[in-house]
């Protein structure tokens, strides 16, 4: 479900061994180890359905879904839904993701994936 004027959300995972980029243009994105998640993160520190990113009130929000190893925004554990902005660091378990939002400053992943489809993995 696409929302009018929804800024694309990009997540960049770079752990030294590989780099993955994901780009989303829908209003809700599920992160987790479960294969059905929009942002599938195959890592033992990630819960099956770890966190949810949702666009509402003209902002992107992140919410932990009761994960075992927690969700952190800029190194602070989150316990309720909080606003995410371009340039933020999101950590689920031990997986670190750099957040980019189309139209915000500091969005290298968006530029890198501008030609990609709805979502992509490098």
PDB file of N, CA and C in Angstrom:
ATOM      1  N   UNK A   1       0.842  -1.164   0.000  1.00  0.00           N
ATOM      2  CA  UNK A   1       0.000   0.000   0.000  1.00  0.00           C
ATOM      3  C   UNK A   1       0.888   1.228   0.000  1.00  0.00           C
ATOM      4  N   UNK A   2       0.846   1.969  -1.061  1.00  0.00           N
ATOM      5  CA  UNK A   2       1.639   3.179  -1.174  1.00  0.00           C
ATOM      6  C   UNK A   2       0.831   4.360  -0.657  1.00  0.00           C
ATOM      7  N   UNK A   3       1.495   5.230   0.078  1.00  0.00           N
ATOM      8  CA  UNK A   3       0.838   6.435   0.578  1.00  0.00           C
ATOM      9  C   UNK A   3       1.276   7.607  -0.279  1.00  0.00           C
ATOM     10  N   UNK A   4       0.380   8.572  -0.531  1.00  0.00           N
ATOM     11  CA  UNK A   4       0.771   9.747  -1.305  1.00  0.00           C
ATOM     12  C   UNK A   4       1.896  10.480  -0.583  1.00  0.00           C
ATOM     13  N   UNK A   5       2.870  10.941  -1.345  1.00  0.00           N
ATOM     14  CA  UNK A   5       3.998  11.696  -0.792  1.00  0.00           C
ATOM     15  C   UNK A   5       4.814  10.911   0.223  1.00  0.00           C
ATOM     16  N   UNK A   6       4.784   9.611   0.135  1.00  0.00           N
ATOM     17  CA  UNK A   6       5.564   8.763   1.034  1.00  0.00           C
ATOM     18  C   UNK A   6       7.027   8.805   0.613  1.00  0.00           C
ATOM     19  N   UNK A   7       7.922   9.312   1.479  1.00  0.00           N
ATOM     20  CA  UNK A   7       9.342   9.313   1.119  1.00  0.00           C
ATOM     21  C   UNK A   7       9.915   7.903   1.246  1.00  0.00           C
ATOM     22  N   UNK A   8      10.624   7.467   0.240  1.00  0.00           N
ATOM     23  CA  UNK A   8      11.219   6.132   0.267  1.00  0.00           C
ATOM     24  C   UNK A   8      12.174   6.011   1.449  1.00  0.00           C
ATOM     25  N   UNK A   9      12.181   4.831   2.042  1.00  0.00           N
ATOM     26  CA  UNK A   9      13.046   4.508   3.167  1.00  0.00           C
ATOM     27  C   UNK A   9      14.100   3.529   2.690  1.00  0.00           C
ATOM     28  N   UNK A  10      15.358   3.816   2.963  1.00  0.00           N
ATOM     29  CA  UNK A  10      16.440   2.899   2.603  1.00  0.00           C
ATOM     30  C   UNK A  10      17.214   2.511   3.849  1.00  0.00           C
ATOM     31  N   UNK A  11      17.609   1.239   3.888  1.00  0.00           N
ATOM     32  CA  UNK A  11      18.410   0.715   4.982  1.00  0.00           C
ATOM     33  C   UNK A  11      19.668   0.111   4.390  1.00  0.00           C
ATOM     34  N   UNK A  12      20.821   0.494   4.907  1.00  0.00           N
ATOM     35  CA  UNK A  12      22.097  -0.008   4.416  1.00  0.00           C
ATOM     36  C   UNK A  12      22.770  -0.804   5.519  1.00  0.00           C
ATOM     37  N   UNK A  13      23.071  -2.059   5.222  1.00  0.00           N
ATOM     38  CA  UNK A  13      23.781  -2.930   6.163  1.00  0.00           C
ATOM     39  C   UNK A  13      25.182  -3.159   5.614  1.00  0.00           C
ATOM     40  N   UNK A  14      26.176  -2.757   6.367  1.00  0.00           N
ATOM     41  CA  UNK A  14      27.573  -2.980   5.975  1.00  0.00           C
ATOM     42  C   UNK A  14      28.299  -3.513   7.197  1.00  0.00           C
ATOM     43  N   UNK A  15      28.704  -4.773   7.138  1.00  0.00           N
ATOM     44  CA  UNK A  15      29.351  -5.375   8.311  1.00  0.00           C
ATOM     45  C   UNK A  15      30.800  -5.763   8.064  1.00  0.00           C
ATOM     46  N   UNK A  16      31.401  -5.228   7.016  1.00  0.00           N
ATOM     47  CA  UNK A  16      32.797  -5.544   6.723  1.00  0.00           C
ATOM     48  C   UNK A  16      32.945  -6.718   5.776  1.00  0.00           C
ATOM     49  N   UNK A  17      32.049  -7.691   5.840  1.00  0.00           N
ATOM     50  CA  UNK A  17      32.099  -8.853   4.960  1.00  0.00           C
ATOM     51  C   UNK A  17      31.264  -8.656   3.710  1.00  0.00           C
ATOM     52  N   UNK A  18      30.136  -7.974   3.881  1.00  0.00           N
ATOM     53  CA  UNK A  18      29.241  -7.754   2.754  1.00  0.00           C
ATOM     54  C   UNK A  18      28.457  -6.469   2.985  1.00  0.00           C
ATOM     55  N   UNK A  19      27.830  -6.027   1.924  1.00  0.00           N
ATOM     56  CA  UNK A  19      26.988  -4.838   1.997  1.00  0.00           C
ATOM     57  C   UNK A  19      25.650  -5.170   1.366  1.00  0.00           C
ATOM     58  N   UNK A  20      24.570  -4.823   2.060  1.00  0.00           N
ATOM     59  CA  UNK A  20      23.220  -5.024   1.541  1.00  0.00           C
ATOM     60  C   UNK A  20      22.470  -3.713   1.657  1.00  0.00           C
ATOM     61  N   UNK A  21      21.710  -3.395   0.648  1.00  0.00           N
ATOM     62  CA  UNK A  21      20.880  -2.191   0.686  1.00  0.00           C
ATOM     63  C   UNK A  21      19.444  -2.590   0.387  1.00  0.00           C
ATOM     64  N   UNK A  22      18.536  -2.042   1.151  1.00  0.00           N
ATOM     65  CA  UNK A  22      17.108  -2.306   0.983  1.00  0.00           C
ATOM     66  C   UNK A  22      16.419  -0.963   0.780  1.00  0.00           C
ATOM     67  N   UNK A  23      15.462  -0.907  -0.137  1.00  0.00           N
ATOM     68  CA  UNK A  23      14.712   0.329  -0.384  1.00  0.00           C
ATOM     69  C   UNK A  23      13.230  -0.002  -0.386  1.00  0.00           C
ATOM     70  N   UNK A  24      12.446   0.785   0.352  1.00  0.00           N
ATOM     71  CA  UNK A  24      11.028   0.519   0.507  1.00  0.00           C
ATOM     72  C   UNK A  24      10.217   1.758   0.187  1.00  0.00           C
ATOM     73  N   UNK A  25       9.079   1.543  -0.483  1.00  0.00           N
ATOM     74  CA  UNK A  25       8.184   2.652  -0.825  1.00  0.00           C
ATOM     75  C   UNK A  25       6.768   2.393  -0.318  1.00  0.00           C
ATOM     76  N   UNK A  26       6.621   1.481   0.603  1.00  0.00           N
ATOM     77  CA  UNK A  26       5.309   1.245   1.212  1.00  0.00           C
ATOM     78  C   UNK A  26       5.339   1.747   2.665  1.00  0.00           C
ATOM     79  N   UNK A  27       4.155   1.924   3.246  1.00  0.00           N
ATOM     80  CA  UNK A  27       4.032   2.592   4.536  1.00  0.00           C
ATOM     81  C   UNK A  27       4.383   1.730   5.744  1.00  0.00           C
ATOM     82  N   UNK A  28       4.602   0.435   5.563  1.00  0.00           N
ATOM     83  CA  UNK A  28       4.977  -0.417   6.690  1.00  0.00           C
ATOM     84  C   UNK A  28       6.024  -1.422   6.237  1.00  0.00           C
ATOM     85  N   UNK A  29       7.067  -1.574   7.047  1.00  0.00           N
ATOM     86  CA  UNK A  29       8.170  -2.479   6.731  1.00  0.00           C
ATOM     87  C   UNK A  29       8.460  -3.323   7.964  1.00  0.00           C
ATOM     88  N   UNK A  30       8.408  -4.644   7.810  1.00  0.00           N
ATOM     89  CA  UNK A  30       8.701  -5.560   8.901  1.00  0.00           C
ATOM     90  C   UNK A  30      10.150  -6.026   8.782  1.00  0.00           C
ATOM     91  N   UNK A  31      10.904  -5.943   9.884  1.00  0.00           N
ATOM     92  CA  UNK A  31      12.285  -6.406   9.929  1.00  0.00           C
ATOM     93  C   UNK A  31      12.361  -7.647  10.794  1.00  0.00           C
ATOM     94  N   UNK A  32      13.100  -8.662  10.334  1.00  0.00           N
ATOM     95  CA  UNK A  32      13.250  -9.859  11.142  1.00  0.00           C
ATOM     96  C   UNK A  32      13.936 -10.993  10.420  1.00  0.00           C
ATOM     97  N   UNK A  33      14.110 -12.079  11.154  1.00  0.00           N
ATOM     98  CA  UNK A  33      14.774 -13.268  10.631  1.00  0.00           C
ATOM     99  C   UNK A  33      13.818 -14.140   9.820  1.00  0.00           C
ATOM    100  N   UNK A  34      12.502 -13.993  10.057  1.00  0.00           N
ATOM    101  CA  UNK A  34      11.496 -14.770   9.340  1.00  0.00           C
ATOM    102  C   UNK A  34      11.541 -14.424   7.847  1.00  0.00           C
ATOM    103  N   UNK A  35      11.492 -15.430   7.002  1.00  0.00           N
ATOM    104  CA  UNK A  35      11.594 -15.203   5.551  1.00  0.00           C
ATOM    105  C   UNK A  35      10.517 -14.273   5.014  1.00  0.00           C
ATOM    106  N   UNK A  36       9.351 -14.223   5.621  1.00  0.00           N
ATOM    107  CA  UNK A  36       8.268 -13.378   5.149  1.00  0.00           C
ATOM    108  C   UNK A  36       8.432 -11.901   5.472  1.00  0.00           C
ATOM    109  N   UNK A  37       9.457 -11.544   6.226  1.00  0.00           N
ATOM    110  CA  UNK A  37       9.671 -10.141   6.581  1.00  0.00           C
ATOM    111  C   UNK A  37      10.118  -9.344   5.359  1.00  0.00           C
ATOM    112  N   UNK A  38       9.706  -8.091   5.298  1.00  0.00           N
ATOM    113  CA  UNK A  38      10.083  -7.217   4.184  1.00  0.00           C
ATOM    114  C   UNK A  38      11.596  -7.022   4.127  1.00  0.00           C
ATOM    115  N   UNK A  39      12.198  -6.865   5.289  1.00  0.00           N
ATOM    116  CA  UNK A  39      13.654  -6.717   5.390  1.00  0.00           C
ATOM    117  C   UNK A  39      14.163  -7.942   6.137  1.00  0.00           C
ATOM    118  N   UNK A  40      14.488  -8.986   5.371  1.00  0.00           N
ATOM    119  CA  UNK A  40      14.926 -10.264   5.942  1.00  0.00           C
ATOM    120  C   UNK A  40      16.390 -10.152   6.373  1.00  0.00           C
ATOM    121  N   UNK A  41      16.632 -10.349   7.667  1.00  0.00           N
ATOM    122  CA  UNK A  41      17.982 -10.256   8.227  1.00  0.00           C
ATOM    123  C   UNK A  41      18.339 -11.615   8.822  1.00  0.00           C
ATOM    124  N   UNK A  42      19.101 -12.400   8.079  1.00  0.00           N
ATOM    125  CA  UNK A  42      19.470 -13.743   8.512  1.00  0.00           C
ATOM    126  C   UNK A  42      20.636 -13.659   9.486  1.00  0.00           C
ATOM    127  N   UNK A  43      20.323 -13.474  10.751  1.00  0.00           N
ATOM    128  CA  UNK A  43      21.332 -13.359  11.799  1.00  0.00           C
ATOM    129  C   UNK A  43      20.734 -13.938  13.077  1.00  0.00           C
ATOM    130  N   UNK A  44      21.518 -14.724  13.816  1.00  0.00           N
ATOM    131  CA  UNK A  44      20.997 -15.399  15.004  1.00  0.00           C
ATOM    132  C   UNK A  44      20.611 -14.437  16.128  1.00  0.00           C
ATOM    133  N   UNK A  45      21.044 -13.178  16.079  1.00  0.00           N
ATOM    134  CA  UNK A  45      20.677 -12.211  17.120  1.00  0.00           C
ATOM    135  C   UNK A  45      19.383 -11.465  16.794  1.00  0.00           C
ATOM    136  N   UNK A  46      18.785 -11.785  15.655  1.00  0.00           N
ATOM    137  CA  UNK A  46      17.543 -11.144  15.203  1.00  0.00           C
ATOM    138  C   UNK A  46      16.368 -12.062  15.514  1.00  0.00           C
ATOM    139  N   UNK A  47      15.303 -11.506  16.082  1.00  0.00           N
ATOM    140  CA  UNK A  47      14.076 -12.271  16.331  1.00  0.00           C
ATOM    141  C   UNK A  47      13.338 -12.490  15.011  1.00  0.00           C
ATOM    142  N   UNK A  48      12.451 -13.468  14.997  1.00  0.00           N
ATOM    143  CA  UNK A  48      11.700 -13.792  13.778  1.00  0.00           C
ATOM    144  C   UNK A  48      10.990 -12.548  13.234  1.00  0.00           C
ATOM    145  N   UNK A  49      10.299 -11.825  14.084  1.00  0.00           N
ATOM    146  CA  UNK A  49       9.668 -10.544  13.738  1.00  0.00           C
ATOM    147  C   UNK A  49      10.201  -9.552  14.765  1.00  0.00           C
ATOM    148  N   UNK A  50      11.263  -8.882  14.419  1.00  0.00           N
ATOM    149  CA  UNK A  50      12.066  -8.101  15.365  1.00  0.00           C
ATOM    150  C   UNK A  50      11.538  -6.680  15.581  1.00  0.00           C
ATOM    151  N   UNK A  51      11.319  -5.949  14.492  1.00  0.00           N
ATOM    152  CA  UNK A  51      10.915  -4.542  14.592  1.00  0.00           C
ATOM    153  C   UNK A  51      10.053  -4.173  13.392  1.00  0.00           C
ATOM    154  N   UNK A  52       9.357  -3.050  13.542  1.00  0.00           N
ATOM    155  CA  UNK A  52       8.494  -2.566  12.470  1.00  0.00           C
ATOM    156  C   UNK A  52       8.785  -1.091  12.238  1.00  0.00           C
ATOM    157  N   UNK A  53       8.935  -0.738  10.976  1.00  0.00           N
ATOM    158  CA  UNK A  53       9.034   0.665  10.572  1.00  0.00           C
ATOM    159  C   UNK A  53       7.714   1.030   9.921  1.00  0.00           C
ATOM    160  N   UNK A  54       7.141   2.157  10.307  1.00  0.00           N
ATOM    161  CA  UNK A  54       5.846   2.568   9.762  1.00  0.00           C
ATOM    162  C   UNK A  54       5.858   4.066   9.497  1.00  0.00           C
ATOM    163  N   UNK A  55       5.225   4.452   8.384  1.00  0.00           N
ATOM    164  CA  UNK A  55       5.122   5.861   8.028  1.00  0.00           C
ATOM    165  C   UNK A  55       3.719   6.352   8.372  1.00  0.00           C
ATOM    166  N   UNK A  56       3.651   7.293   9.292  1.00  0.00           N
ATOM    167  CA  UNK A  56       2.390   7.936   9.628  1.00  0.00           C
ATOM    168  C   UNK A  56       2.686   9.296  10.252  1.00  0.00           C
ATOM    169  N   UNK A  57       1.707  10.189  10.205  1.00  0.00           N
ATOM    170  CA  UNK A  57       1.872  11.569  10.690  1.00  0.00           C
ATOM    171  C   UNK A  57       3.062  12.248  10.021  1.00  0.00           C
ATOM    172  N   UNK A  58       3.276  11.917   8.732  1.00  0.00           N
ATOM    173  CA  UNK A  58       4.346  12.501   7.915  1.00  0.00           C
ATOM    174  C   UNK A  58       5.751  12.216   8.434  1.00  0.00           C
ATOM    175  N   UNK A  59       5.926  11.085   9.128  1.00  0.00           N
ATOM    176  CA  UNK A  59       7.244  10.702   9.640  1.00  0.00           C
ATOM    177  C   UNK A  59       7.375   9.184   9.626  1.00  0.00           C
ATOM    178  N   UNK A  60       8.617   8.719   9.558  1.00  0.00           N
ATOM    179  CA  UNK A  60       8.904   7.296   9.718  1.00  0.00           C
ATOM    180  C   UNK A  60       9.120   7.027  11.205  1.00  0.00           C
ATOM    181  N   UNK A  61       8.553   5.937  11.698  1.00  0.00           N
ATOM    182  CA  UNK A  61       8.658   5.529  13.099  1.00  0.00           C
ATOM    183  C   UNK A  61       9.200   4.107  13.155  1.00  0.00           C
ATOM    184  N   UNK A  62       9.936   3.775  14.215  1.00  0.00           N
ATOM    185  CA  UNK A  62      10.400   2.409  14.440  1.00  0.00           C
ATOM    186  C   UNK A  62       9.870   1.946  15.791  1.00  0.00           C
ATOM    187  N   UNK A  63       9.496   0.656  15.834  1.00  0.00           N
ATOM    188  CA  UNK A  63       8.969   0.064  17.055  1.00  0.00           C
ATOM    189  C   UNK A  63       9.537  -1.329  17.215  1.00  0.00           C
ATOM    190  N   UNK A  64      10.049  -1.629  18.402  1.00  0.00           N
ATOM    191  CA  UNK A  64      10.506  -2.978  18.714  1.00  0.00           C
ATOM    192  C   UNK A  64       9.269  -3.855  18.921  1.00  0.00           C
ATOM    193  N   UNK A  65       9.333  -5.092  18.466  1.00  0.00           N
ATOM    194  CA  UNK A  65       8.185  -5.997  18.574  1.00  0.00           C
ATOM    195  C   UNK A  65       8.401  -7.058  19.648  1.00  0.00           C
ATOM    196  N   UNK A  66       9.005  -6.665  20.747  1.00  0.00           N
ATOM    197  CA  UNK A  66       9.261  -7.601  21.839  1.00  0.00           C
ATOM    198  C   UNK A  66      10.427  -8.524  21.558  1.00  0.00           C
ATOM    199  N   UNK A  67      11.397  -8.039  20.810  1.00  0.00           N
ATOM    200  CA  UNK A  67      12.547  -8.862  20.434  1.00  0.00           C
ATOM    201  C   UNK A  67      13.388  -9.241  21.648  1.00  0.00           C
ATOM    202  N   UNK A  68      14.084 -10.349  21.530  1.00  0.00           N
ATOM    203  CA  UNK A  68      14.932 -10.840  22.625  1.00  0.00           C
ATOM    204  C   UNK A  68      16.157  -9.944  22.837  1.00  0.00           C
ATOM    205  N   UNK A  69      16.790  -9.514  21.762  1.00  0.00           N
ATOM    206  CA  UNK A  69      18.038  -8.754  21.869  1.00  0.00           C
ATOM    207  C   UNK A  69      17.876  -7.252  21.690  1.00  0.00           C
ATOM    208  N   UNK A  70      16.659  -6.786  21.555  1.00  0.00           N
ATOM    209  CA  UNK A  70      16.389  -5.359  21.538  1.00  0.00           C
ATOM    210  C   UNK A  70      16.612  -4.666  20.210  1.00  0.00           C
ATOM    211  N   UNK A  71      16.013  -3.478  20.131  1.00  0.00           N
ATOM    212  CA  UNK A  71      16.164  -2.582  18.997  1.00  0.00           C
ATOM    213  C   UNK A  71      16.712  -1.275  19.542  1.00  0.00           C
ATOM    214  N   UNK A  72      17.747  -0.747  18.884  1.00  0.00           N
ATOM    215  CA  UNK A  72      18.431   0.455  19.345  1.00  0.00           C
ATOM    216  C   UNK A  72      18.429   1.497  18.243  1.00  0.00           C
ATOM    217  N   UNK A  73      18.160   2.733  18.602  1.00  0.00           N
ATOM    218  CA  UNK A  73      18.234   3.850  17.679  1.00  0.00           C
ATOM    219  C   UNK A  73      19.328   4.773  18.184  1.00  0.00           C
ATOM    220  N   UNK A  74      20.364   4.937  17.365  1.00  0.00           N
ATOM    221  CA  UNK A  74      21.522   5.756  17.752  1.00  0.00           C
ATOM    222  C   UNK A  74      22.047   5.347  19.127  1.00  0.00           C
ATOM    223  N   UNK A  75      22.212   4.054  19.323  1.00  0.00           N
ATOM    224  CA  UNK A  75      22.799   3.415  20.500  1.00  0.00           C
ATOM    225  C   UNK A  75      21.941   3.475  21.757  1.00  0.00           C
ATOM    226  N   UNK A  76      20.680   3.891  21.630  1.00  0.00           N
ATOM    227  CA  UNK A  76      19.766   3.890  22.774  1.00  0.00           C
ATOM    228  C   UNK A  76      18.661   2.879  22.527  1.00  0.00           C
ATOM    229  N   UNK A  77      18.463   1.989  23.501  1.00  0.00           N
ATOM    230  CA  UNK A  77      17.414   0.978  23.370  1.00  0.00           C
ATOM    231  C   UNK A  77      16.048   1.658  23.354  1.00  0.00           C
ATOM    232  N   UNK A  78      15.196   1.239  22.424  1.00  0.00           N
ATOM    233  CA  UNK A  78      13.865   1.824  22.354  1.00  0.00           C
ATOM    234  C   UNK A  78      12.860   0.898  23.034  1.00  0.00           C
ATOM    235  N   UNK A  79      11.893   1.499  23.718  1.00  0.00           N
ATOM    236  CA  UNK A  79      10.869   0.732  24.415  1.00  0.00           C
ATOM    237  C   UNK A  79       9.477   1.091  23.913  1.00  0.00           C
ATOM    238  N   UNK A  80       9.410   2.090  23.051  1.00  0.00           N
ATOM    239  CA  UNK A  80       8.152   2.486  22.426  1.00  0.00           C
ATOM    240  C   UNK A  80       8.476   3.007  21.030  1.00  0.00           C
ATOM    241  N   UNK A  81       7.462   3.252  20.228  1.00  0.00           N
ATOM    242  CA  UNK A  81       7.688   3.757  18.876  1.00  0.00           C
ATOM    243  C   UNK A  81       8.347   5.134  18.942  1.00  0.00           C
ATOM    244  N   UNK A  82       9.390   5.325  18.127  1.00  0.00           N
ATOM    245  CA  UNK A  82      10.098   6.603  18.072  1.00  0.00           C
ATOM    246  C   UNK A  82      10.319   6.993  16.615  1.00  0.00           C
ATOM    247  N   UNK A  83      10.473   8.286  16.372  1.00  0.00           N
ATOM    248  CA  UNK A  83      10.689   8.824  15.029  1.00  0.00           C
ATOM    249  C   UNK A  83      12.103   8.499  14.563  1.00  0.00           C
ATOM    250  N   UNK A  84      12.206   8.109  13.294  1.00  0.00           N
ATOM    251  CA  UNK A  84      13.484   7.817  12.647  1.00  0.00           C
ATOM    252  C   UNK A  84      13.729   8.892  11.595  1.00  0.00           C
ATOM    253  N   UNK A  85      14.955   9.385  11.514  1.00  0.00           N
ATOM    254  CA  UNK A  85      15.306  10.382  10.504  1.00  0.00           C
ATOM    255  C   UNK A  85      16.505   9.901   9.689  1.00  0.00           C
ATOM    256  N   UNK A  86      16.703  10.516   8.535  1.00  0.00           N
ATOM    257  CA  UNK A  86      17.843  10.173   7.692  1.00  0.00           C
ATOM    258  C   UNK A  86      19.140  10.381   8.443  1.00  0.00           C
ATOM    259  N   UNK A  87      20.041   9.418   8.324  1.00  0.00           N
ATOM    260  CA  UNK A  87      21.333   9.486   9.004  1.00  0.00           C
ATOM    261  C   UNK A  87      21.357   8.737  10.324  1.00  0.00           C
ATOM    262  N   UNK A  88      20.180   8.296  10.808  1.00  0.00           N
ATOM    263  CA  UNK A  88      20.124   7.538  12.056  1.00  0.00           C
ATOM    264  C   UNK A  88      20.749   6.163  11.873  1.00  0.00           C
ATOM    265  N   UNK A  89      21.201   5.595  12.994  1.00  0.00           N
ATOM    266  CA  UNK A  89      21.707   4.234  13.029  1.00  0.00           C
ATOM    267  C   UNK A  89      20.696   3.386  13.779  1.00  0.00           C
ATOM    268  N   UNK A  90      20.241   2.333  13.133  1.00  0.00           N
ATOM    269  CA  UNK A  90      19.268   1.415  13.720  1.00  0.00           C
ATOM    270  C   UNK A  90      19.973   0.086  13.930  1.00  0.00           C
ATOM    271  N   UNK A  91      19.908  -0.433  15.167  1.00  0.00           N
ATOM    272  CA  UNK A  91      20.527  -1.732  15.439  1.00  0.00           C
ATOM    273  C   UNK A  91      19.470  -2.689  15.954  1.00  0.00           C
ATOM    274  N   UNK A  92      19.369  -3.818  15.281  1.00  0.00           N
ATOM    275  CA  UNK A  92      18.492  -4.908  15.686  1.00  0.00           C
ATOM    276  C   UNK A  92      19.402  -6.061  16.072  1.00  0.00           C
ATOM    277  N   UNK A  93      19.371  -6.459  17.338  1.00  0.00           N
ATOM    278  CA  UNK A  93      20.333  -7.458  17.799  1.00  0.00           C
ATOM    279  C   UNK A  93      21.729  -6.904  17.576  1.00  0.00           C
ATOM    280  N   UNK A  94      22.535  -7.622  16.790  1.00  0.00           N
ATOM    281  CA  UNK A  94      23.885  -7.150  16.465  1.00  0.00           C
ATOM    282  C   UNK A  94      23.998  -6.592  15.052  1.00  0.00           C
ATOM    283  N   UNK A  95      22.884  -6.514  14.330  1.00  0.00           N
ATOM    284  CA  UNK A  95      22.885  -6.020  12.952  1.00  0.00           C
ATOM    285  C   UNK A  95      22.665  -4.510  12.951  1.00  0.00           C
ATOM    286  N   UNK A  96      23.604  -3.784  12.361  1.00  0.00           N
ATOM    287  CA  UNK A  96      23.527  -2.325  12.294  1.00  0.00           C
ATOM    288  C   UNK A  96      23.091  -1.903  10.901  1.00  0.00           C
ATOM    289  N   UNK A  97      22.093  -1.017  10.862  1.00  0.00           N
ATOM    290  CA  UNK A  97      21.558  -0.499   9.607  1.00  0.00           C
ATOM    291  C   UNK A  97      21.614   1.019   9.621  1.00  0.00           C
ATOM    292  N   UNK A  98      22.102   1.599   8.542  1.00  0.00           N
ATOM    293  CA  UNK A  98      22.096   3.048   8.386  1.00  0.00           C
ATOM    294  C   UNK A  98      20.793   3.426   7.685  1.00  0.00           C
ATOM    295  N   UNK A  99      20.096   4.405   8.227  1.00  0.00           N
ATOM    296  CA  UNK A  99      18.803   4.820   7.704  1.00  0.00           C
ATOM    297  C   UNK A  99      18.969   6.015   6.773  1.00  0.00           C
ATOM    298  N   UNK A 100      18.328   5.942   5.627  1.00  0.00           N
ATOM    299  CA  UNK A 100      18.253   7.067   4.697  1.00  0.00           C
ATOM    300  C   UNK A 100      16.792   7.242   4.307  1.00  0.00           C
ATOM    301  N   UNK A 101      16.367   8.480   4.245  1.00  0.00           N
ATOM    302  CA  UNK A 101      14.996   8.787   3.849  1.00  0.00           C
ATOM    303  C   UNK A 101      15.055   9.752   2.682  1.00  0.00           C
ATOM    304  N   UNK A 102      14.374   9.393   1.611  1.00  0.00           N
ATOM    305  CA  UNK A 102      14.363  10.216   0.405  1.00  0.00           C
ATOM    306  C   UNK A 102      13.989  11.656   0.753  1.00  0.00           C
ATOM    307  N   UNK A 103      14.794  12.582   0.265  1.00  0.00           N
ATOM    308  CA  UNK A 103      14.517  13.991   0.498  1.00  0.00           C
ATOM    309  C   UNK A 103      15.180  14.550   1.740  1.00  0.00           C
ATOM    310  N   UNK A 104      15.745  13.691   2.607  1.00  0.00           N
ATOM    311  CA  UNK A 104      16.449  14.200   3.782  1.00  0.00           C
ATOM    312  C   UNK A 104      17.936  14.253   3.483  1.00  0.00           C
ATOM    313  N   UNK A 105      18.663  15.047   4.246  1.00  0.00           N
ATOM    314  CA  UNK A 105      20.104  15.175   4.024  1.00  0.00           C
ATOM    315  C   UNK A 105      20.815  13.930   4.508  1.00  0.00           C
ATOM    316  N   UNK A 106      21.991  13.681   3.945  1.00  0.00           N
ATOM    317  CA  UNK A 106      22.787  12.531   4.350  1.00  0.00           C
ATOM    318  C   UNK A 106      22.148  11.222   3.951  1.00  0.00           C
ATOM    319  N   UNK A 107      21.763  11.084   2.681  1.00  0.00           N
ATOM    320  CA  UNK A 107      21.073   9.884   2.223  1.00  0.00           C
ATOM    321  C   UNK A 107      21.844   9.134   1.143  1.00  0.00           C
ATOM    322  N   UNK A 108      23.065   8.644   1.451  1.00  0.00           N
ATOM    323  CA  UNK A 108      23.844   7.967   0.412  1.00  0.00           C
ATOM    324  C   UNK A 108      23.185   6.708  -0.104  1.00  0.00           C
ATOM    325  N   UNK A 109      22.476   5.953   0.729  1.00  0.00           N
ATOM    326  CA  UNK A 109      21.853   4.708   0.267  1.00  0.00           C
ATOM    327  C   UNK A 109      20.747   5.004  -0.729  1.00  0.00           C
ATOM    328  N   UNK A 110      20.052   6.108  -0.556  1.00  0.00           N
ATOM    329  CA  UNK A 110      18.991   6.463  -1.498  1.00  0.00           C
ATOM    330  C   UNK A 110      19.591   6.749  -2.854  1.00  0.00           C
ATOM    331  N   UNK A 111      20.674   7.530  -2.883  1.00  0.00           N
ATOM    332  CA  UNK A 111      21.325   7.840  -4.151  1.00  0.00           C
ATOM    333  C   UNK A 111      21.857   6.569  -4.795  1.00  0.00           C
ATOM    334  N   UNK A 112      22.438   5.695  -3.996  1.00  0.00           N
ATOM    335  CA  UNK A 112      23.023   4.471  -4.503  1.00  0.00           C
ATOM    336  C   UNK A 112      21.949   3.565  -5.113  1.00  0.00           C
ATOM    337  N   UNK A 113      20.730   3.608  -4.561  1.00  0.00           N
ATOM    338  CA  UNK A 113      19.669   2.725  -5.017  1.00  0.00           C
ATOM    339  C   UNK A 113      18.588   3.438  -5.810  1.00  0.00           C
ATOM    340  N   UNK A 114      18.860   4.616  -6.310  1.00  0.00           N
ATOM    341  CA  UNK A 114      17.840   5.392  -6.998  1.00  0.00           C
ATOM    342  C   UNK A 114      17.231   4.637  -8.166  1.00  0.00           C
ATOM    343  N   UNK A 115      18.007   3.816  -8.824  1.00  0.00           N
ATOM    344  CA  UNK A 115      17.507   3.082  -9.984  1.00  0.00           C
ATOM    345  C   UNK A 115      16.883   1.736  -9.599  1.00  0.00           C
ATOM    346  N   UNK A 116      16.938   1.376  -8.322  1.00  0.00           N
ATOM    347  CA  UNK A 116      16.409   0.098  -7.880  1.00  0.00           C
ATOM    348  C   UNK A 116      14.886   0.120  -7.870  1.00  0.00           C
ATOM    349  N   UNK A 117      14.294  -1.059  -7.813  1.00  0.00           N
ATOM    350  CA  UNK A 117      12.834  -1.166  -7.764  1.00  0.00           C
ATOM    351  C   UNK A 117      12.306  -0.846  -6.387  1.00  0.00           C
ATOM    352  N   UNK A 118      11.154  -1.442  -6.032  1.00  0.00           N
ATOM    353  CA  UNK A 118      10.514  -1.160  -4.755  1.00  0.00           C
ATOM    354  C   UNK A 118      11.444  -1.501  -3.597  1.00  0.00           C
ATOM    355  N   UNK A 119      12.119  -2.605  -3.666  1.00  0.00           N
ATOM    356  CA  UNK A 119      13.113  -2.957  -2.667  1.00  0.00           C
ATOM    357  C   UNK A 119      14.205  -3.725  -3.390  1.00  0.00           C
ATOM    358  N   UNK A 120      15.388  -3.637  -2.861  1.00  0.00           N
ATOM    359  CA  UNK A 120      16.480  -4.331  -3.509  1.00  0.00           C
ATOM    360  C   UNK A 120      17.479  -4.794  -2.481  1.00  0.00           C
ATOM    361  N   UNK A 121      18.265  -5.746  -2.852  1.00  0.00           N
ATOM    362  CA  UNK A 121      19.343  -6.235  -2.008  1.00  0.00           C
ATOM    363  C   UNK A 121      20.581  -6.329  -2.884  1.00  0.00           C
ATOM    364  N   UNK A 122      21.642  -5.638  -2.491  1.00  0.00           N
ATOM    365  CA  UNK A 122      22.891  -5.670  -3.254  1.00  0.00           C
ATOM    366  C   UNK A 122      23.689  -6.889  -2.888  1.00  0.00           C
TER     367      UNK A 122
END
